[in-house]
Amino acid sequence: MPRTSIFNMTLNKIYPMLVQKAERKNRTQAEVNQIICWLTGYTQSELETQLAKDITYQTFFEEAPQINLNCHLITGVVCGVRVENIEDPFTQKYRWLDKLVDELTKGKAMEKILRV
């Protein structure tokens, strides 16, 4: 079976995996939502609207109201790749989200995750 590119995967497939990853480490869906909203500029209700649609992960980021201006402060390694060195804009955005959820699962405080 061929692997589906993350570009073509639906938000509805990826979002539950992000939540499960957090919940396995005793973090919450609400915290994942807060991270997503901080990064993308969606409100909670806009996030819920996007989740109700059958859109790709790429479309989710393309339609984001405003990528957070402090996203340049997200640094580190995800899957062996430094997120600050990723050249493809979409790939960098979804890796930023991966990195933020990783920080959540490692017990970091929300203030540090959200670069407040």
Protein backbone atom coordinates (compact mmCIF):
# COMPACT_ATOMS: atom_id res chain seq x y z
CA MET A 1 0.00 0.00 0.00
CA PRO A 2 1.54 3.35 -1.01
CA ARG A 3 2.13 5.94 1.70
CA THR A 4 -0.04 9.03 1.54
CA SER A 5 1.88 12.28 1.50
CA ILE A 6 1.16 14.51 4.44
CA PHE A 7 0.25 17.15 1.85
CA ASN A 8 -2.78 15.06 0.90
CA MET A 9 -3.78 13.71 4.30
CA THR A 10 -6.89 15.20 5.81
CA LEU A 11 -6.88 17.35 8.89
CA ASN A 12 -9.42 14.93 10.35
CA LYS A 13 -6.84 12.14 10.17
CA ILE A 14 -3.92 14.11 11.63
CA TYR A 15 -5.69 16.08 14.37
CA PRO A 16 -6.74 12.99 16.40
CA MET A 17 -3.15 11.73 16.27
CA LEU A 18 -1.88 15.03 17.72
CA VAL A 19 -4.48 14.83 20.51
CA GLN A 20 -3.71 11.17 21.25
CA LYS A 21 0.00 11.93 21.42
CA ALA A 22 -0.68 14.62 24.01
CA GLU A 23 -3.19 12.58 26.00
CA ARG A 24 -0.73 9.67 26.30
CA LYS A 25 1.46 12.07 28.29
CA ASN A 26 -1.41 13.35 30.45
CA ARG A 27 -1.88 16.55 28.48
CA THR A 28 -5.25 17.63 27.09
CA GLN A 29 -7.07 18.23 23.83
CA ALA A 30 -7.68 21.79 25.01
CA GLU A 31 -3.92 22.35 25.24
CA VAL A 32 -3.42 20.98 21.72
CA ASN A 33 -6.18 23.29 20.50
CA GLN A 34 -4.55 26.25 22.24
CA ILE A 35 -1.26 25.47 20.49
CA ILE A 36 -2.95 25.10 17.09
CA CYS A 37 -4.83 28.36 17.55
CA TRP A 38 -1.68 30.19 18.68
CA LEU A 39 0.29 28.99 15.66
CA THR A 40 -2.37 29.43 12.98
CA GLY A 41 -4.48 32.34 14.18
CA TYR A 42 -7.69 30.31 14.12
CA THR A 43 -10.13 30.89 16.97
CA GLN A 44 -11.51 27.85 18.75
CA SER A 45 -14.76 28.08 16.76
CA GLU A 46 -12.85 28.50 13.48
CA LEU A 47 -10.76 25.44 14.36
CA GLU A 48 -13.94 23.46 14.99
CA THR A 49 -15.31 24.64 11.63
CA GLN A 50 -12.15 23.49 9.87
CA LEU A 51 -12.34 20.12 11.64
CA ALA A 52 -15.93 19.74 10.42
CA LYS A 53 -14.75 20.09 6.82
CA ASP A 54 -12.99 17.37 4.87
CA ILE A 55 -9.90 19.42 4.02
CA THR A 56 -6.27 18.48 3.57
CA TYR A 57 -3.67 19.35 6.14
CA GLN A 58 -2.07 21.63 3.57
CA THR A 59 -5.35 23.48 2.99
CA PHE A 60 -5.74 23.91 6.74
CA PHE A 61 -2.44 25.79 6.88
CA GLU A 62 -3.08 27.68 3.64
CA GLU A 63 -6.38 28.99 5.02
CA ALA A 64 -4.89 29.92 8.39
CA PRO A 65 -5.88 33.47 9.29
CA GLN A 66 -2.41 34.50 10.47
CA ILE A 67 0.62 32.37 11.26
CA ASN A 68 1.91 33.67 14.59
CA LEU A 69 4.56 36.33 14.22
CA ASN A 70 6.65 34.59 16.90
CA CYS A 71 6.86 31.35 14.93
CA HIS A 72 10.48 32.18 14.12
CA LEU A 73 11.19 31.44 17.80
CA ILE A 74 10.27 27.77 17.26
CA THR A 75 13.57 25.97 16.96
CA GLY A 76 14.81 22.47 17.45
CA VAL A 77 14.71 19.07 15.83
CA VAL A 78 11.70 17.03 14.71
CA CYS A 79 12.32 13.69 13.02
CA GLY A 80 16.00 14.55 12.68
CA VAL A 81 15.37 17.86 10.90
CA ARG A 82 15.94 21.32 12.34
CA VAL A 83 12.62 23.14 11.95
CA GLU A 84 14.26 26.54 11.54
CA ASN A 85 16.17 25.29 8.46
CA ILE A 86 13.20 23.89 6.53
CA GLU A 87 12.80 25.76 3.25
CA ASP A 88 9.36 24.57 2.09
CA PRO A 89 6.78 26.83 3.79
CA PHE A 90 4.11 24.16 4.24
CA THR A 91 6.56 21.59 5.56
CA GLN A 92 7.94 24.13 8.00
CA LYS A 93 4.47 24.99 9.31
CA TYR A 94 3.44 21.43 9.99
CA ARG A 95 6.84 20.68 11.56
CA TRP A 96 6.42 23.73 13.80
CA LEU A 97 3.16 22.24 15.00
CA ASP A 98 4.84 18.87 15.52
CA LYS A 99 7.58 20.57 17.53
CA LEU A 100 5.10 22.45 19.72
CA VAL A 101 3.11 19.28 20.47
CA ASP A 102 6.41 17.48 21.23
CA GLU A 103 7.24 20.21 23.74
CA LEU A 104 3.79 19.77 25.28
CA THR A 105 4.30 16.02 25.67
CA LYS A 106 7.68 16.60 27.28
CA GLY A 107 6.01 18.58 30.06
CA LYS A 108 6.92 22.12 29.08
CA ALA A 109 4.72 24.88 30.46
CA MET A 110 2.29 26.46 27.99
CA GLU A 111 3.93 29.87 28.47
CA LYS A 112 7.21 28.47 27.17
CA ILE A 113 5.56 26.51 24.35
CA LEU A 114 3.69 29.60 23.18
CA ARG A 115 6.81 31.72 23.45
CA VAL A 116 5.12 34.21 25.82
